[in-house]
Structure formats: structure tokens, C-alpha cells
Amino acid sequence: MVITRATEYAIRTIIYLAQQPRDQVVLKKDICRTQGVTPAFLTKILQPLIKSGIVSSQRGVGGGFLLAKDAEQITLLDIFQAQEGDLKLNHCLIDSEFCARDAFCAAHEVWEEAQQALSKVLLCHSIADIVRRQEEKLKALDKA
């Protein structure tokens, strides 16, 4: 399983928005510039985040984007699911009709265990946690 480029950029964009002062609207061009993404790709990234209630948009003069909820309430799993849907490591976990072997296939149990572990890790890390980690890394680099 490889996380899509859209999901990677969505996470980066949410981190960037979380680093801004609370309730500050961020211009699309500023997000594009800081994240190295085209306006068209940013639109593609932001649409599912807006639909899922992670990001809010404001139209018109002075319009832009901001987090719809506190960064503590947004997990990596929320962003993943907004971009890619439910986390499924393989086809037999998507639909029981796809694979009739789950009753006796030991690999099915391992895939299920791995999927649950990954979901748990993504659920345990909020965007606020990631922002704190990033700040610590930047401070450590400054000291080096």
C-alpha cells in the first residue's frame, strides 16, 4: 500500500493551516507557494477536506481556507479517510464477496491485524501532535 500523493499533500496542507493563528484565513496562493503545489492540485486536495468538515473555505475578497476544527481534533486517519476512503490493505478486506477464503485463510487474519494496527496509529496522532513534533525537530536543527 502506498499513500497517494494527494494524501501526502493534504497532510502537509493541514499541518500548514494548523501552524497559522487560529481562525486566520489563508490565501490559496500562499498555500500553493509554501507547499509547492499547483492551484489545480490544491483544489483537488481541498475538496474532500472541505466535504469532510476538516477545512472551511471563505469566498470572495479576503477569502481562503482555514481549519474547520481544532488541530487536536483532526487525526491523520481523518485526513486519510477524507482523501482515500476507508483504509483497506487488500481486496479481501474491502468486500467479503471478493474473497471467499476468509474462513480458512490465515493470511486474511494477518492483513486484518495489520490494517487495524495502521488505523490505530493514524488515529492516535492528531495534527496538533504533528505540529509539535515538527517544531521540536526545527528547534533541534537550530541547535545543531
Protein backbone atom coordinates (compact mmCIF):
# COMPACT_ATOMS: atom_id res chain seq x y z
CA MET A 1 0.00 0.00 0.00
CA VAL A 2 1.30 3.42 -0.93
CA ILE A 3 -0.36 6.57 0.34
CA THR A 4 -1.25 8.75 -2.62
CA ARG A 5 0.48 11.99 -3.41
CA ALA A 6 -2.82 13.79 -2.81
CA THR A 7 -2.98 12.42 0.74
CA GLU A 8 0.63 13.39 1.43
CA TYR A 9 -0.03 16.94 0.25
CA ALA A 10 -3.33 17.05 2.14
CA ILE A 11 -1.48 16.23 5.37
CA ARG A 12 1.17 18.86 4.61
CA THR A 13 -1.52 21.43 3.86
CA ILE A 14 -3.41 20.70 7.08
CA ILE A 15 -0.17 20.99 9.06
CA TYR A 16 0.49 24.36 7.41
CA LEU A 17 -3.02 25.59 8.21
CA ALA A 18 -2.62 24.40 11.82
CA GLN A 19 0.57 26.46 12.15
CA GLN A 20 -1.32 29.66 11.34
CA PRO A 21 -3.07 31.74 14.01
CA ARG A 22 -6.46 30.25 14.94
CA ASP A 23 -9.30 31.43 12.66
CA GLN A 24 -6.90 33.10 10.22
CA VAL A 25 -7.97 32.67 6.62
CA VAL A 26 -5.04 31.58 4.43
CA LEU A 27 -4.98 32.54 0.77
CA LYS A 28 -4.86 29.77 -1.81
CA LYS A 29 -1.78 31.30 -3.43
CA ASP A 30 0.07 31.24 -0.09
CA ILE A 31 -0.72 27.56 0.42
CA CYS A 32 0.41 26.80 -3.15
CA ARG A 33 3.65 28.73 -2.69
CA THR A 34 4.60 27.24 0.68
CA GLN A 35 3.61 23.68 -0.17
CA GLY A 36 4.92 23.63 -3.74
CA VAL A 37 1.62 22.64 -5.25
CA THR A 38 -0.32 23.97 -8.25
CA PRO A 39 -3.67 25.72 -7.73
CA ALA A 40 -5.48 22.94 -9.62
CA PHE A 41 -3.93 20.22 -7.48
CA LEU A 42 -4.64 22.18 -4.29
CA THR A 43 -8.30 22.42 -5.31
CA LYS A 44 -8.37 18.65 -5.80
CA ILE A 45 -6.79 18.15 -2.36
CA LEU A 46 -9.04 20.61 -0.53
CA GLN A 47 -12.42 19.48 -1.91
CA PRO A 48 -12.64 16.25 0.12
CA LEU A 49 -11.22 18.01 3.20
CA ILE A 50 -13.96 20.64 2.97
CA LYS A 51 -16.63 18.00 2.36
CA SER A 52 -15.49 16.03 5.41
CA GLY A 53 -15.54 19.11 7.67
CA ILE A 54 -11.78 19.33 8.23
CA VAL A 55 -11.27 22.58 6.29
CA SER A 56 -13.55 25.58 5.79
CA SER A 57 -13.45 27.85 2.79
CA GLN A 58 -14.37 31.50 2.52
CA ARG A 59 -15.14 33.00 -0.86
CA GLY A 60 -14.64 36.50 -2.15
CA VAL A 61 -12.16 39.24 -1.33
CA GLY A 62 -10.02 38.10 1.56
CA GLY A 63 -11.28 34.57 1.07
CA GLY A 64 -9.24 31.46 1.52
CA PHE A 65 -9.05 28.43 3.76
CA LEU A 66 -8.77 27.60 7.45
CA LEU A 67 -9.21 24.62 9.71
CA ALA A 68 -12.85 23.89 10.47
CA LYS A 69 -11.95 22.31 13.81
CA ASP A 70 -9.18 22.45 16.33
CA ALA A 71 -5.95 20.71 15.27
CA GLU A 72 -6.25 18.47 18.36
CA GLN A 73 -9.46 17.05 16.90
CA ILE A 74 -8.06 16.22 13.45
CA THR A 75 -6.21 12.91 13.17
CA LEU A 76 -4.07 11.55 10.38
CA LEU A 77 -6.77 8.90 9.91
CA ASP A 78 -9.37 11.65 9.35
CA ILE A 79 -7.28 13.12 6.55
CA PHE A 80 -6.51 9.72 5.04
CA GLN A 81 -10.21 8.78 5.02
CA ALA A 82 -11.22 12.14 3.55
CA GLN A 83 -8.78 11.65 0.67
CA GLU A 84 -8.89 7.90 0.08
CA GLY A 85 -11.93 6.49 1.85
CA ASP A 86 -11.74 3.71 4.40
CA LEU A 87 -8.33 2.21 5.00
CA LYS A 88 -8.15 -1.23 3.39
CA LEU A 89 -4.84 -3.01 2.87
CA ASN A 90 -6.09 -5.51 0.31
CA HIS A 91 -9.18 -6.53 -1.65
CA CYS A 92 -10.30 -9.32 0.66
CA LEU A 93 -10.75 -6.76 3.45
CA ILE A 94 -12.83 -4.46 1.25
CA ASP A 95 -15.60 -6.91 0.47
CA SER A 96 -16.20 -10.40 1.83
CA GLU A 97 -17.74 -11.38 -1.52
CA PHE A 98 -14.42 -10.62 -3.23
CA CYS A 99 -12.67 -13.39 -1.31
CA ALA A 100 -14.48 -16.46 -0.08
CA ARG A 101 -11.34 -17.77 1.64
CA ASP A 102 -11.50 -15.65 4.80
CA ALA A 103 -12.98 -18.53 6.85
CA PHE A 104 -9.82 -20.63 6.44
CA CYS A 105 -7.15 -18.25 5.11
CA ALA A 106 -4.58 -17.41 7.78
CA ALA A 107 -3.22 -14.54 5.69
CA HIS A 108 -6.62 -12.84 5.93
CA GLU A 109 -6.21 -12.57 9.70
CA VAL A 110 -2.73 -11.09 9.32
CA TRP A 111 -3.97 -8.50 6.80
CA GLU A 112 -6.80 -7.61 9.16
CA GLU A 113 -4.39 -7.27 12.09
CA ALA A 114 -2.03 -5.06 10.06
CA GLN A 115 -4.92 -2.88 8.89
CA GLN A 116 -6.18 -2.43 12.46
CA ALA A 117 -2.68 -1.56 13.69
CA LEU A 118 -2.18 1.06 10.97
CA SER A 119 -5.62 2.56 11.62
CA LYS A 120 -4.81 2.75 15.33
CA VAL A 121 -1.50 4.55 14.70
CA LEU A 122 -3.11 7.06 12.33
CA LEU A 123 -5.95 7.63 14.80
CA CYS A 124 -3.56 8.22 17.72
CA HIS A 125 -1.77 11.15 16.08
CA SER A 126 -3.53 14.48 15.83
CA ILE A 127 -2.39 17.30 13.61
CA ALA A 128 -1.52 19.23 16.78
CA ASP A 129 0.82 16.34 17.74
CA ILE A 130 2.48 16.51 14.33
CA VAL A 131 2.89 20.29 14.57
CA ARG A 132 4.55 19.91 17.99
CA ARG A 133 6.90 17.25 16.63
CA GLN A 134 7.81 19.44 13.69
CA GLU A 135 8.56 22.39 15.98
CA GLU A 136 10.82 20.15 18.10
CA LYS A 137 12.68 18.96 15.01
CA LEU A 138 13.19 22.53 13.81
CA LYS A 139 14.48 23.58 17.24
CA ALA A 140 16.90 20.64 17.25
CA LEU A 141 18.18 21.65 13.81
CA ASP A 142 18.74 25.22 15.02
CA LYS A 143 20.87 23.90 17.89
CA ALA A 144 22.96 21.70 15.61
